[in-house]
Amino acid sequence: MSSPVRPSSTRSRHIPPPVFLVAAAVLQQLLARRAGPPPRWRRVASAALALVSLALPTTAALTFHSRRTTVSPLDPSAASALVTDGPNAFTRNPMYLGMAGLLTAHAWRRGSWLAVLPVAGFVAVIDRLQVPAEESALAERFGPAYVAYCARVPRWLPGVRRLASHGR
């Protein structure tokens, strides 16, 4: 059974979030041409952030697979289990947070503030279009268990609660 989704969130349901990730990375390349190789400290810092950022979606996907539920963002109503452990115990969107972290690492490596703009754009698109569609489907599918999960785990960053009144 498919759940009704708010009209503002239907646009992203046809475009997989990794497409937005690739588009943002390409935009970073176009906006922020670097003059030469980055200094060692920036290479090390960006590599460390990239590794942590890769670990988030990887461990989240492994957790989803161990629960035998879908990782597909295109049909969140197909979820067969509410995953609340692993990285999902700290953030409701570890896969998207990891993608944003990869883009941030890329911006650091490029050494350009302009390269941060696509990161903000990626987060805005995912936060305003993709996540609400997923949250709506999961709330319908898992009811009070999902509402309780949202009350104790932040949408994005551990320790940071959303200030806007319309967010979960």
C-alpha atoms as a PDB file:
ATOM      1  CA  MET A   1       0.000   0.000   0.000  1.00  0.00           C
ATOM      2  CA  SER A   2       1.436   3.345  -1.012  1.00  0.00           C
ATOM      3  CA  SER A   3       1.205   6.302   1.314  1.00  0.00           C
ATOM      4  CA  PRO A   4       0.116   9.763   0.272  1.00  0.00           C
ATOM      5  CA  VAL A   5       3.021  12.166   0.095  1.00  0.00           C
ATOM      6  CA  ARG A   6       2.904  15.914   0.388  1.00  0.00           C
ATOM      7  CA  PRO A   7       3.134  17.524  -3.081  1.00  0.00           C
ATOM      8  CA  SER A   8       6.310  19.447  -2.215  1.00  0.00           C
ATOM      9  CA  SER A   9       8.155  16.199  -1.582  1.00  0.00           C
ATOM     10  CA  THR A  10       7.117  14.248  -4.667  1.00  0.00           C
ATOM     11  CA  ARG A  11       9.596  15.891  -7.008  1.00  0.00           C
ATOM     12  CA  SER A  12      12.633  14.120  -5.557  1.00  0.00           C
ATOM     13  CA  ARG A  13      10.979  10.698  -5.484  1.00  0.00           C
ATOM     14  CA  HIS A  14      11.893  10.194  -9.130  1.00  0.00           C
ATOM     15  CA  ILE A  15      15.524  11.251  -8.787  1.00  0.00           C
ATOM     16  CA  PRO A  16      17.763   9.078  -6.597  1.00  0.00           C
ATOM     17  CA  PRO A  17      19.701  11.149  -4.017  1.00  0.00           C
ATOM     18  CA  PRO A  18      23.093   9.931  -5.343  1.00  0.00           C
ATOM     19  CA  VAL A  19      22.263  11.872  -8.542  1.00  0.00           C
ATOM     20  CA  PHE A  20      22.088  15.044  -6.427  1.00  0.00           C
ATOM     21  CA  LEU A  21      25.415  14.038  -4.842  1.00  0.00           C
ATOM     22  CA  VAL A  22      27.125  13.684  -8.219  1.00  0.00           C
ATOM     23  CA  ALA A  23      25.580  16.936  -9.481  1.00  0.00           C
ATOM     24  CA  ALA A  24      26.860  18.775  -6.395  1.00  0.00           C
ATOM     25  CA  ALA A  25      30.361  17.300  -6.820  1.00  0.00           C
ATOM     26  CA  VAL A  26      30.449  18.346 -10.484  1.00  0.00           C
ATOM     27  CA  LEU A  27      29.278  21.816  -9.500  1.00  0.00           C
ATOM     28  CA  GLN A  28      32.088  21.967  -6.939  1.00  0.00           C
ATOM     29  CA  GLN A  29      34.579  21.201  -9.704  1.00  0.00           C
ATOM     30  CA  LEU A  30      33.147  23.939 -11.900  1.00  0.00           C
ATOM     31  CA  LEU A  31      32.903  26.582  -9.182  1.00  0.00           C
ATOM     32  CA  ALA A  32      36.212  26.017  -7.454  1.00  0.00           C
ATOM     33  CA  ARG A  33      39.187  25.538  -9.686  1.00  0.00           C
ATOM     34  CA  ARG A  34      42.286  25.005  -7.594  1.00  0.00           C
ATOM     35  CA  ALA A  35      45.615  26.571  -8.416  1.00  0.00           C
ATOM     36  CA  GLY A  36      47.793  23.661  -7.357  1.00  0.00           C
ATOM     37  CA  PRO A  37      47.989  20.708  -5.015  1.00  0.00           C
ATOM     38  CA  PRO A  38      46.506  21.341  -1.571  1.00  0.00           C
ATOM     39  CA  PRO A  39      48.832  21.526   1.433  1.00  0.00           C
ATOM     40  CA  ARG A  40      49.459  18.297   3.322  1.00  0.00           C
ATOM     41  CA  TRP A  41      47.326  19.265   6.340  1.00  0.00           C
ATOM     42  CA  ARG A  42      44.323  19.889   4.093  1.00  0.00           C
ATOM     43  CA  ARG A  43      44.813  16.595   2.259  1.00  0.00           C
ATOM     44  CA  VAL A  44      44.974  14.724   5.584  1.00  0.00           C
ATOM     45  CA  ALA A  45      41.959  16.539   7.086  1.00  0.00           C
ATOM     46  CA  SER A  46      39.827  16.061   3.989  1.00  0.00           C
ATOM     47  CA  ALA A  47      40.831  12.385   3.707  1.00  0.00           C
ATOM     48  CA  ALA A  48      39.912  11.780   7.365  1.00  0.00           C
ATOM     49  CA  LEU A  49      36.517  13.435   6.892  1.00  0.00           C
ATOM     50  CA  ALA A  50      35.960  11.460   3.689  1.00  0.00           C
ATOM     51  CA  LEU A  51      36.707   8.154   5.466  1.00  0.00           C
ATOM     52  CA  VAL A  52      34.312   8.925   8.327  1.00  0.00           C
ATOM     53  CA  SER A  53      31.733  10.091   5.798  1.00  0.00           C
ATOM     54  CA  LEU A  54      32.060   6.855   3.817  1.00  0.00           C
ATOM     55  CA  ALA A  55      31.718   4.811   7.001  1.00  0.00           C
ATOM     56  CA  LEU A  56      28.308   6.328   7.816  1.00  0.00           C
ATOM     57  CA  PRO A  57      26.360   5.177   4.750  1.00  0.00           C
ATOM     58  CA  THR A  58      28.313   1.928   4.546  1.00  0.00           C
ATOM     59  CA  THR A  59      27.538   0.855   8.104  1.00  0.00           C
ATOM     60  CA  ALA A  60      23.956   2.113   7.767  1.00  0.00           C
ATOM     61  CA  ALA A  61      23.452   0.055   4.596  1.00  0.00           C
ATOM     62  CA  LEU A  62      24.930  -3.021   6.288  1.00  0.00           C
ATOM     63  CA  THR A  63      22.558  -2.513   9.224  1.00  0.00           C
ATOM     64  CA  PHE A  64      19.589  -2.189   6.856  1.00  0.00           C
ATOM     65  CA  HIS A  65      20.631  -5.372   5.046  1.00  0.00           C
ATOM     66  CA  SER A  66      21.014  -7.250   8.342  1.00  0.00           C
ATOM     67  CA  ARG A  67      17.397  -6.275   9.152  1.00  0.00           C
ATOM     68  CA  ARG A  68      16.358  -7.404   5.656  1.00  0.00           C
ATOM     69  CA  THR A  69      14.836  -4.059   4.761  1.00  0.00           C
ATOM     70  CA  THR A  70      15.265  -1.777   1.783  1.00  0.00           C
ATOM     71  CA  VAL A  71      17.828   0.995   1.489  1.00  0.00           C
ATOM     72  CA  SER A  72      16.093   2.413  -1.579  1.00  0.00           C
ATOM     73  CA  PRO A  73      15.084   6.052  -1.085  1.00  0.00           C
ATOM     74  CA  LEU A  74      12.690   5.831  -4.029  1.00  0.00           C
ATOM     75  CA  ASP A  75      10.079   3.753  -2.189  1.00  0.00           C
ATOM     76  CA  PRO A  76      10.406   4.216   1.585  1.00  0.00           C
ATOM     77  CA  SER A  77       6.955   2.690   2.095  1.00  0.00           C
ATOM     78  CA  ALA A  78       8.530  -0.667   1.117  1.00  0.00           C
ATOM     79  CA  ALA A  79      10.537  -0.708   4.365  1.00  0.00           C
ATOM     80  CA  SER A  80       9.924  -3.927   6.267  1.00  0.00           C
ATOM     81  CA  ALA A  81      11.693  -2.842   9.468  1.00  0.00           C
ATOM     82  CA  LEU A  82      12.313   0.388  11.340  1.00  0.00           C
ATOM     83  CA  VAL A  83      16.089   0.564  11.758  1.00  0.00           C
ATOM     84  CA  THR A  84      16.997   2.439  14.945  1.00  0.00           C
ATOM     85  CA  ASP A  85      20.413   1.001  15.749  1.00  0.00           C
ATOM     86  CA  GLY A  86      23.847   1.361  14.202  1.00  0.00           C
ATOM     87  CA  PRO A  87      24.362   4.882  12.840  1.00  0.00           C
ATOM     88  CA  ASN A  88      20.583   5.353  12.911  1.00  0.00           C
ATOM     89  CA  ALA A  89      20.780   5.493  16.706  1.00  0.00           C
ATOM     90  CA  PHE A  90      22.543   8.875  16.378  1.00  0.00           C
ATOM     91  CA  THR A  91      21.070  10.394  13.219  1.00  0.00           C
ATOM     92  CA  ARG A  92      17.941   9.534  11.268  1.00  0.00           C
ATOM     93  CA  ASN A  93      19.755  10.126   7.975  1.00  0.00           C
ATOM     94  CA  PRO A  94      23.253   8.630   8.186  1.00  0.00           C
ATOM     95  CA  MET A  95      23.387   7.941   4.453  1.00  0.00           C
ATOM     96  CA  TYR A  96      22.601  11.540   3.518  1.00  0.00           C
ATOM     97  CA  LEU A  97      24.831  12.872   6.299  1.00  0.00           C
ATOM     98  CA  GLY A  98      27.660  10.762   4.885  1.00  0.00           C
ATOM     99  CA  MET A  99      27.021  12.147   1.397  1.00  0.00           C
ATOM    100  CA  ALA A 100      27.095  15.709   2.763  1.00  0.00           C
ATOM    101  CA  GLY A 101      30.328  14.848   4.581  1.00  0.00           C
ATOM    102  CA  LEU A 102      31.911  13.610   1.341  1.00  0.00           C
ATOM    103  CA  LEU A 103      30.983  16.856  -0.377  1.00  0.00           C
ATOM    104  CA  THR A 104      32.393  18.824   2.564  1.00  0.00           C
ATOM    105  CA  ALA A 105      35.646  16.836   2.394  1.00  0.00           C
ATOM    106  CA  HIS A 106      35.832  17.594  -1.318  1.00  0.00           C
ATOM    107  CA  ALA A 107      35.306  21.315  -0.618  1.00  0.00           C
ATOM    108  CA  TRP A 108      38.070  21.268   2.023  1.00  0.00           C
ATOM    109  CA  ARG A 109      40.452  19.550  -0.355  1.00  0.00           C
ATOM    110  CA  ARG A 110      39.725  22.105  -3.055  1.00  0.00           C
ATOM    111  CA  GLY A 111      40.342  24.893  -0.542  1.00  0.00           C
ATOM    112  CA  SER A 112      37.579  27.138  -1.836  1.00  0.00           C
ATOM    113  CA  TRP A 113      34.611  28.639  -0.051  1.00  0.00           C
ATOM    114  CA  LEU A 114      32.733  28.480  -3.354  1.00  0.00           C
ATOM    115  CA  ALA A 115      32.969  24.691  -3.178  1.00  0.00           C
ATOM    116  CA  VAL A 116      30.856  24.815  -0.003  1.00  0.00           C
ATOM    117  CA  LEU A 117      27.853  26.240  -1.882  1.00  0.00           C
ATOM    118  CA  PRO A 118      26.936  22.915  -3.554  1.00  0.00           C
ATOM    119  CA  VAL A 119      27.132  21.230  -0.126  1.00  0.00           C
ATOM    120  CA  ALA A 120      24.498  23.642   1.173  1.00  0.00           C
ATOM    121  CA  GLY A 121      22.427  23.093  -1.961  1.00  0.00           C
ATOM    122  CA  PHE A 122      22.630  19.315  -1.606  1.00  0.00           C
ATOM    123  CA  VAL A 123      21.565  19.426   2.051  1.00  0.00           C
ATOM    124  CA  ALA A 124      18.704  21.827   1.239  1.00  0.00           C
ATOM    125  CA  VAL A 125      17.374  19.640  -1.585  1.00  0.00           C
ATOM    126  CA  ILE A 126      17.593  16.453   0.478  1.00  0.00           C
ATOM    127  CA  ASP A 127      16.179  18.124   3.607  1.00  0.00           C
ATOM    128  CA  ARG A 128      13.258  19.800   1.847  1.00  0.00           C
ATOM    129  CA  LEU A 129      12.350  17.256  -0.832  1.00  0.00           C
ATOM    130  CA  GLN A 130      13.629  13.751  -0.094  1.00  0.00           C
ATOM    131  CA  VAL A 131      13.562  13.477   3.690  1.00  0.00           C
ATOM    132  CA  PRO A 132       9.952  14.706   4.132  1.00  0.00           C
ATOM    133  CA  ALA A 133       8.723  12.085   1.641  1.00  0.00           C
ATOM    134  CA  GLU A 134      10.603   9.363   3.506  1.00  0.00           C
ATOM    135  CA  GLU A 135       9.429  10.589   6.909  1.00  0.00           C
ATOM    136  CA  SER A 136       5.816  10.679   5.756  1.00  0.00           C
ATOM    137  CA  ALA A 137       5.986   7.112   4.422  1.00  0.00           C
ATOM    138  CA  LEU A 138       7.792   5.799   7.507  1.00  0.00           C
ATOM    139  CA  ALA A 139       5.349   7.524   9.875  1.00  0.00           C
ATOM    140  CA  GLU A 140       2.451   5.903   8.058  1.00  0.00           C
ATOM    141  CA  ARG A 141       4.169   2.507   7.940  1.00  0.00           C
ATOM    142  CA  PHE A 142       5.491   2.352  11.526  1.00  0.00           C
ATOM    143  CA  GLY A 143       3.167   4.761  13.379  1.00  0.00           C
ATOM    144  CA  PRO A 144       3.948   5.495  17.038  1.00  0.00           C
ATOM    145  CA  ALA A 145       7.279   3.635  16.928  1.00  0.00           C
ATOM    146  CA  TYR A 146       8.530   6.010  14.231  1.00  0.00           C
ATOM    147  CA  VAL A 147       7.156   9.079  16.040  1.00  0.00           C
ATOM    148  CA  ALA A 148       9.001   8.003  19.215  1.00  0.00           C
ATOM    149  CA  TYR A 149      12.179   7.416  17.198  1.00  0.00           C
ATOM    150  CA  CYS A 150      11.931  10.924  15.706  1.00  0.00           C
ATOM    151  CA  ALA A 151      11.473  12.379  19.186  1.00  0.00           C
ATOM    152  CA  ARG A 152      14.742  10.897  20.453  1.00  0.00           C
ATOM    153  CA  VAL A 153      17.008  10.964  17.361  1.00  0.00           C
ATOM    154  CA  PRO A 154      17.778  14.133  15.374  1.00  0.00           C
ATOM    155  CA  ARG A 155      17.180  14.358  11.644  1.00  0.00           C
ATOM    156  CA  TRP A 156      20.792  15.295  10.868  1.00  0.00           C
ATOM    157  CA  LEU A 157      23.454  15.944  13.487  1.00  0.00           C
ATOM    158  CA  PRO A 158      23.691  14.297  16.897  1.00  0.00           C
ATOM    159  CA  GLY A 159      23.148  16.894  19.599  1.00  0.00           C
ATOM    160  CA  VAL A 160      21.527  19.386  17.210  1.00  0.00           C
ATOM    161  CA  ARG A 161      17.764  19.692  17.210  1.00  0.00           C
ATOM    162  CA  ARG A 162      15.910  21.350  14.377  1.00  0.00           C
ATOM    163  CA  LEU A 163      14.662  24.835  15.236  1.00  0.00           C
ATOM    164  CA  ALA A 164      12.027  25.111  12.514  1.00  0.00           C
ATOM    165  CA  SER A 165       8.546  24.253  13.736  1.00  0.00           C
ATOM    166  CA  HIS A 166       7.612  22.264  10.614  1.00  0.00           C
ATOM    167  CA  GLY A 167      10.429  19.696  10.857  1.00  0.00           C
ATOM    168  CA  ARG A 168      10.339  16.398  12.698  1.00  0.00           C
END
